[in-house]
Amino acid sequence: MGMAWAGSSADRVKRVAAELLRAQRADGGWAQRASLGVVLRALCESWQLKAGDAAYRKGADYLLRTQLEDGSWYVRSRAMKLQPYFQSGFPHDHDQWISYSATADAVTALAGDGM
């Protein structure tokens, strides 16, 4: 995503996108964190994947299967607890901030190509 935003060459973006597509797991997700939609979002925002592509459909199906009933995606935080905790109203208590970010990426990815 950053490469596309920064104006990297189309060939370089395509090469990196191809590597990401090869890393897609059989279940449709990617390895960094199972519930994050950031890779699918990055592929769409860099125009390397369209909503009609098989890899997109597989990734979207994965996200829809892992979405929780409240509409969010849960990600356990790996960050040290340095700041005082407060409830924002988003689900998942102490993991709400990373879960909020993951949910935003997943929803953006599900919006399809051409965002």
N, C-alpha and C. Protein backbone atom coordinates (compact mmCIF):
# COMPACT_ATOMS: atom_id res chain seq x y z
N MET A 1 0.83 -1.17 0.00
CA MET A 1 0.00 0.00 0.00
C MET A 1 0.88 1.24 0.00
N GLY A 2 1.88 1.22 0.89
CA GLY A 2 2.79 2.35 0.98
C GLY A 2 3.58 2.58 -0.30
N MET A 3 3.95 1.48 -0.96
CA MET A 3 4.69 1.61 -2.21
C MET A 3 3.84 2.32 -3.27
N ALA A 4 2.57 1.94 -3.34
CA ALA A 4 1.68 2.58 -4.31
C ALA A 4 1.47 4.05 -3.95
N TRP A 5 1.27 4.34 -2.66
CA TRP A 5 1.07 5.72 -2.22
C TRP A 5 2.31 6.57 -2.50
N ALA A 6 3.50 5.96 -2.36
CA ALA A 6 4.75 6.70 -2.53
C ALA A 6 5.17 6.84 -3.98
N GLY A 7 4.42 6.22 -4.88
CA GLY A 7 4.72 6.35 -6.29
C GLY A 7 5.81 5.42 -6.80
N SER A 8 6.00 4.28 -6.15
CA SER A 8 6.98 3.29 -6.64
C SER A 8 6.61 2.88 -8.06
N SER A 9 7.58 2.37 -8.77
CA SER A 9 7.33 1.97 -10.15
C SER A 9 6.27 0.86 -10.19
N ALA A 10 5.51 0.86 -11.26
CA ALA A 10 4.46 -0.15 -11.43
C ALA A 10 5.04 -1.56 -11.40
N ASP A 11 6.22 -1.73 -12.00
CA ASP A 11 6.86 -3.06 -12.01
C ASP A 11 7.20 -3.53 -10.60
N ARG A 12 7.72 -2.62 -9.79
CA ARG A 12 8.08 -2.99 -8.42
C ARG A 12 6.84 -3.34 -7.60
N VAL A 13 5.79 -2.56 -7.73
CA VAL A 13 4.54 -2.83 -7.02
C VAL A 13 3.99 -4.19 -7.46
N LYS A 14 4.04 -4.48 -8.75
CA LYS A 14 3.55 -5.77 -9.26
C LYS A 14 4.36 -6.93 -8.70
N ARG A 15 5.69 -6.76 -8.61
CA ARG A 15 6.55 -7.83 -8.07
C ARG A 15 6.20 -8.12 -6.60
N VAL A 16 6.06 -7.07 -5.81
CA VAL A 16 5.73 -7.26 -4.39
C VAL A 16 4.32 -7.84 -4.25
N ALA A 17 3.39 -7.38 -5.07
CA ALA A 17 2.02 -7.91 -5.03
C ALA A 17 2.02 -9.40 -5.36
N ALA A 18 2.83 -9.79 -6.34
CA ALA A 18 2.91 -11.22 -6.70
C ALA A 18 3.42 -12.05 -5.53
N GLU A 19 4.40 -11.51 -4.79
CA GLU A 19 4.91 -12.21 -3.60
C GLU A 19 3.81 -12.35 -2.55
N LEU A 20 3.05 -11.30 -2.34
CA LEU A 20 1.95 -11.36 -1.37
C LEU A 20 0.89 -12.37 -1.79
N LEU A 21 0.57 -12.40 -3.06
CA LEU A 21 -0.43 -13.34 -3.55
C LEU A 21 0.04 -14.78 -3.37
N ARG A 22 1.33 -15.03 -3.59
CA ARG A 22 1.87 -16.38 -3.38
C ARG A 22 1.83 -16.79 -1.90
N ALA A 23 1.85 -15.81 -1.01
CA ALA A 23 1.84 -16.09 0.43
C ALA A 23 0.45 -16.33 1.00
N GLN A 24 -0.59 -16.18 0.16
CA GLN A 24 -1.95 -16.41 0.66
C GLN A 24 -2.10 -17.88 1.05
N ARG A 25 -2.63 -18.11 2.24
CA ARG A 25 -2.80 -19.48 2.74
C ARG A 25 -4.02 -20.13 2.11
N ALA A 26 -4.11 -21.42 2.27
CA ALA A 26 -5.23 -22.19 1.71
C ALA A 26 -6.58 -21.72 2.26
N ASP A 27 -6.60 -21.20 3.51
CA ASP A 27 -7.86 -20.75 4.10
C ASP A 27 -8.27 -19.37 3.62
N GLY A 28 -7.41 -18.70 2.82
CA GLY A 28 -7.72 -17.39 2.26
C GLY A 28 -7.04 -16.25 2.97
N GLY A 29 -6.49 -16.50 4.17
CA GLY A 29 -5.82 -15.46 4.94
C GLY A 29 -4.35 -15.37 4.61
N TRP A 30 -3.68 -14.47 5.31
CA TRP A 30 -2.23 -14.31 5.19
C TRP A 30 -1.63 -14.49 6.57
N ALA A 31 -0.34 -14.79 6.64
CA ALA A 31 0.29 -15.26 7.88
C ALA A 31 0.49 -14.25 8.99
N GLN A 32 0.67 -12.96 8.73
CA GLN A 32 1.05 -12.04 9.79
C GLN A 32 0.12 -12.18 10.99
N ARG A 33 -1.11 -11.99 10.80
CA ARG A 33 -2.15 -12.19 11.80
C ARG A 33 -3.37 -12.67 11.04
N ALA A 34 -3.91 -13.77 11.49
CA ALA A 34 -5.01 -14.40 10.76
C ALA A 34 -6.20 -13.47 10.55
N SER A 35 -6.47 -12.59 11.49
CA SER A 35 -7.69 -11.80 11.38
C SER A 35 -7.50 -10.41 10.78
N LEU A 36 -6.32 -10.09 10.34
CA LEU A 36 -6.10 -8.78 9.75
C LEU A 36 -6.41 -8.79 8.26
N GLY A 37 -7.03 -7.74 7.79
CA GLY A 37 -7.35 -7.62 6.37
C GLY A 37 -6.40 -6.69 5.64
N VAL A 38 -5.26 -6.38 6.24
CA VAL A 38 -4.38 -5.36 5.68
C VAL A 38 -3.76 -5.80 4.35
N VAL A 39 -3.43 -7.07 4.17
CA VAL A 39 -2.82 -7.50 2.91
C VAL A 39 -3.84 -7.38 1.78
N LEU A 40 -5.05 -7.85 2.01
CA LEU A 40 -6.09 -7.75 0.98
C LEU A 40 -6.35 -6.28 0.65
N ARG A 41 -6.40 -5.45 1.66
CA ARG A 41 -6.59 -4.01 1.43
C ARG A 41 -5.45 -3.44 0.61
N ALA A 42 -4.21 -3.79 0.96
CA ALA A 42 -3.05 -3.26 0.24
C ALA A 42 -3.07 -3.68 -1.22
N LEU A 43 -3.42 -4.92 -1.49
CA LEU A 43 -3.48 -5.40 -2.88
C LEU A 43 -4.56 -4.67 -3.67
N CYS A 44 -5.67 -4.37 -3.02
CA CYS A 44 -6.74 -3.63 -3.70
C CYS A 44 -6.36 -2.17 -3.92
N GLU A 45 -5.83 -1.53 -2.87
CA GLU A 45 -5.50 -0.11 -2.98
C GLU A 45 -4.36 0.17 -3.94
N SER A 46 -3.52 -0.82 -4.18
CA SER A 46 -2.42 -0.64 -5.13
C SER A 46 -2.84 -1.10 -6.53
N TRP A 47 -4.11 -1.41 -6.70
CA TRP A 47 -4.68 -1.83 -7.98
C TRP A 47 -4.08 -3.12 -8.51
N GLN A 48 -3.60 -3.98 -7.60
CA GLN A 48 -3.00 -5.25 -8.02
C GLN A 48 -3.99 -6.40 -7.91
N LEU A 49 -5.15 -6.14 -7.38
CA LEU A 49 -6.16 -7.17 -7.20
C LEU A 49 -7.52 -6.52 -7.36
N LYS A 50 -8.40 -7.18 -8.09
CA LYS A 50 -9.75 -6.66 -8.31
C LYS A 50 -10.75 -7.56 -7.59
N ALA A 51 -11.90 -6.99 -7.27
CA ALA A 51 -12.91 -7.73 -6.52
C ALA A 51 -13.34 -9.01 -7.24
N GLY A 52 -13.20 -9.09 -8.53
CA GLY A 52 -13.59 -10.29 -9.26
C GLY A 52 -12.52 -11.37 -9.32
N ASP A 53 -11.30 -11.06 -8.88
CA ASP A 53 -10.21 -12.03 -8.92
C ASP A 53 -10.40 -13.14 -7.90
N ALA A 54 -9.94 -14.33 -8.24
CA ALA A 54 -10.09 -15.49 -7.35
C ALA A 54 -9.41 -15.26 -6.00
N ALA A 55 -8.22 -14.67 -5.98
CA ALA A 55 -7.52 -14.43 -4.72
C ALA A 55 -8.29 -13.44 -3.85
N TYR A 56 -8.91 -12.44 -4.48
CA TYR A 56 -9.73 -11.50 -3.71
C TYR A 56 -10.92 -12.22 -3.08
N ARG A 57 -11.61 -13.00 -3.89
CA ARG A 57 -12.78 -13.72 -3.40
C ARG A 57 -12.41 -14.64 -2.24
N LYS A 58 -11.28 -15.33 -2.37
CA LYS A 58 -10.80 -16.23 -1.32
C LYS A 58 -10.51 -15.44 -0.04
N GLY A 59 -9.84 -14.30 -0.18
CA GLY A 59 -9.54 -13.46 0.98
C GLY A 59 -10.79 -12.87 1.60
N ALA A 60 -11.72 -12.41 0.76
CA ALA A 60 -12.98 -11.85 1.26
C ALA A 60 -13.79 -12.92 1.98
N ASP A 61 -13.84 -14.13 1.43
CA ASP A 61 -14.55 -15.23 2.09
C ASP A 61 -13.94 -15.51 3.46
N TYR A 62 -12.62 -15.48 3.54
CA TYR A 62 -11.94 -15.70 4.82
C TYR A 62 -12.36 -14.61 5.83
N LEU A 63 -12.32 -13.35 5.39
CA LEU A 63 -12.69 -12.28 6.31
C LEU A 63 -14.14 -12.42 6.77
N LEU A 64 -15.03 -12.75 5.87
CA LEU A 64 -16.44 -12.90 6.25
C LEU A 64 -16.65 -14.07 7.20
N ARG A 65 -15.87 -15.14 7.03
CA ARG A 65 -15.96 -16.30 7.94
C ARG A 65 -15.45 -15.97 9.33
N THR A 66 -14.48 -15.07 9.42
CA THR A 66 -13.87 -14.78 10.72
C THR A 66 -14.45 -13.53 11.39
N GLN A 67 -15.37 -12.85 10.73
CA GLN A 67 -16.02 -11.69 11.33
C GLN A 67 -16.90 -12.13 12.49
N LEU A 68 -16.86 -11.39 13.57
CA LEU A 68 -17.66 -11.72 14.75
C LEU A 68 -19.08 -11.20 14.60
N GLU A 69 -19.97 -11.70 15.42
CA GLU A 69 -21.39 -11.32 15.33
C GLU A 69 -21.62 -9.82 15.48
N ASP A 70 -20.77 -9.15 16.25
CA ASP A 70 -20.95 -7.70 16.44
C ASP A 70 -20.41 -6.90 15.26
N GLY A 71 -19.88 -7.59 14.24
CA GLY A 71 -19.37 -6.93 13.04
C GLY A 71 -17.88 -6.65 13.07
N SER A 72 -17.23 -6.91 14.17
CA SER A 72 -15.80 -6.62 14.30
C SER A 72 -14.96 -7.85 14.05
N TRP A 73 -13.64 -7.62 14.02
CA TRP A 73 -12.65 -8.69 13.99
C TRP A 73 -11.79 -8.51 15.24
N TYR A 74 -11.50 -9.59 15.95
CA TYR A 74 -10.70 -9.52 17.17
C TYR A 74 -9.24 -9.83 16.86
N VAL A 75 -8.36 -8.98 17.36
CA VAL A 75 -6.92 -9.22 17.30
C VAL A 75 -6.37 -8.97 18.69
N ARG A 76 -5.61 -9.93 19.19
CA ARG A 76 -4.99 -9.77 20.50
C ARG A 76 -3.79 -8.85 20.37
N SER A 77 -3.74 -7.86 21.23
CA SER A 77 -2.64 -6.89 21.20
C SER A 77 -1.33 -7.54 21.64
N ARG A 78 -0.26 -7.16 20.96
CA ARG A 78 1.08 -7.61 21.35
C ARG A 78 1.85 -6.48 22.01
N ALA A 79 1.24 -5.30 22.11
CA ALA A 79 1.92 -4.13 22.66
C ALA A 79 2.01 -4.20 24.19
N MET A 80 3.08 -3.61 24.71
CA MET A 80 3.20 -3.48 26.16
C MET A 80 2.13 -2.52 26.64
N LYS A 81 1.60 -2.77 27.80
CA LYS A 81 0.55 -1.92 28.37
C LYS A 81 1.19 -0.74 29.08
N LEU A 82 1.51 0.31 28.34
CA LEU A 82 2.18 1.49 28.89
C LEU A 82 1.22 2.61 29.24
N GLN A 83 0.18 2.77 28.43
CA GLN A 83 -0.75 3.85 28.65
C GLN A 83 -1.91 3.38 29.52
N PRO A 84 -2.48 4.30 30.29
CA PRO A 84 -3.63 3.92 31.10
C PRO A 84 -4.78 3.46 30.20
N TYR A 85 -5.45 2.41 30.61
CA TYR A 85 -6.55 1.85 29.83
C TYR A 85 -7.80 2.71 29.99
N PHE A 86 -8.52 2.89 28.90
CA PHE A 86 -9.87 3.45 28.97
C PHE A 86 -10.71 2.80 27.90
N GLN A 87 -11.98 2.71 28.15
CA GLN A 87 -12.92 2.05 27.23
C GLN A 87 -13.41 3.07 26.21
N SER A 88 -13.27 2.73 24.94
CA SER A 88 -13.71 3.63 23.87
C SER A 88 -15.13 3.33 23.43
N GLY A 89 -15.62 2.15 23.79
CA GLY A 89 -16.92 1.72 23.31
C GLY A 89 -16.82 0.66 22.24
N PHE A 90 -15.62 0.47 21.68
CA PHE A 90 -15.40 -0.58 20.70
C PHE A 90 -15.21 -1.89 21.47
N PRO A 91 -15.66 -3.01 20.94
CA PRO A 91 -15.51 -4.28 21.66
C PRO A 91 -14.05 -4.68 21.87
N HIS A 92 -13.85 -5.65 22.72
CA HIS A 92 -12.57 -6.33 22.94
C HIS A 92 -11.69 -5.70 24.01
N ASP A 93 -12.25 -4.84 24.84
CA ASP A 93 -11.57 -4.31 26.03
C ASP A 93 -10.14 -3.88 25.76
N HIS A 94 -9.16 -4.52 26.41
CA HIS A 94 -7.76 -4.08 26.30
C HIS A 94 -7.19 -4.30 24.89
N ASP A 95 -7.86 -5.04 24.07
CA ASP A 95 -7.42 -5.28 22.70
C ASP A 95 -8.24 -4.47 21.68
N GLN A 96 -8.98 -3.49 22.18
CA GLN A 96 -9.89 -2.75 21.30
C GLN A 96 -9.18 -1.93 20.24
N TRP A 97 -8.02 -1.38 20.53
CA TRP A 97 -7.38 -0.48 19.56
C TRP A 97 -6.84 -1.23 18.35
N ILE A 98 -6.17 -2.35 18.56
CA ILE A 98 -5.68 -3.13 17.42
C ILE A 98 -6.85 -3.80 16.70
N SER A 99 -7.87 -4.18 17.45
CA SER A 99 -9.06 -4.79 16.83
C SER A 99 -9.81 -3.76 15.99
N TYR A 100 -9.84 -2.52 16.45
CA TYR A 100 -10.47 -1.45 15.68
C TYR A 100 -9.74 -1.27 14.35
N SER A 101 -8.41 -1.23 14.42
CA SER A 101 -7.60 -1.07 13.21
C SER A 101 -7.80 -2.24 12.26
N ALA A 102 -7.80 -3.45 12.79
CA ALA A 102 -8.01 -4.64 11.96
C ALA A 102 -9.40 -4.63 11.33
N THR A 103 -10.39 -4.20 12.08
CA THR A 103 -11.75 -4.12 11.56
C THR A 103 -11.83 -3.09 10.43
N ALA A 104 -11.17 -1.95 10.61
CA ALA A 104 -11.17 -0.92 9.56
C ALA A 104 -10.51 -1.45 8.28
N ASP A 105 -9.38 -2.15 8.42
CA ASP A 105 -8.70 -2.72 7.25
C ASP A 105 -9.58 -3.77 6.57
N ALA A 106 -10.22 -4.62 7.36
CA ALA A 106 -11.07 -5.66 6.79
C ALA A 106 -12.25 -5.06 6.03
N VAL A 107 -12.89 -4.08 6.61
CA VAL A 107 -14.04 -3.45 5.95
C VAL A 107 -13.60 -2.75 4.67
N THR A 108 -12.46 -2.06 4.72
CA THR A 108 -11.95 -1.39 3.52
C THR A 108 -11.63 -2.42 2.44
N ALA A 109 -11.02 -3.53 2.82
CA ALA A 109 -10.72 -4.59 1.85
C ALA A 109 -11.99 -5.17 1.25
N LEU A 110 -13.01 -5.35 2.07
CA LEU A 110 -14.27 -5.91 1.58
C LEU A 110 -15.02 -4.95 0.66
N ALA A 111 -14.66 -3.68 0.72
CA ALA A 111 -15.30 -2.70 -0.17
C ALA A 111 -14.90 -2.94 -1.63
N GLY A 112 -13.81 -3.71 -1.84
CA GLY A 112 -13.43 -4.09 -3.19
C GLY A 112 -12.36 -3.23 -3.78
N ASP A 113 -12.17 -3.39 -5.07
CA ASP A 113 -11.10 -2.68 -5.76
C ASP A 113 -11.50 -1.23 -6.02
N GLY A 114 -10.50 -0.43 -6.27
CA GLY A 114 -10.73 0.95 -6.66
C GLY A 114 -11.06 1.87 -5.50
N MET A 115 -10.65 1.49 -4.28
CA MET A 115 -10.95 2.33 -3.15
C MET A 115 -10.27 3.66 -3.31
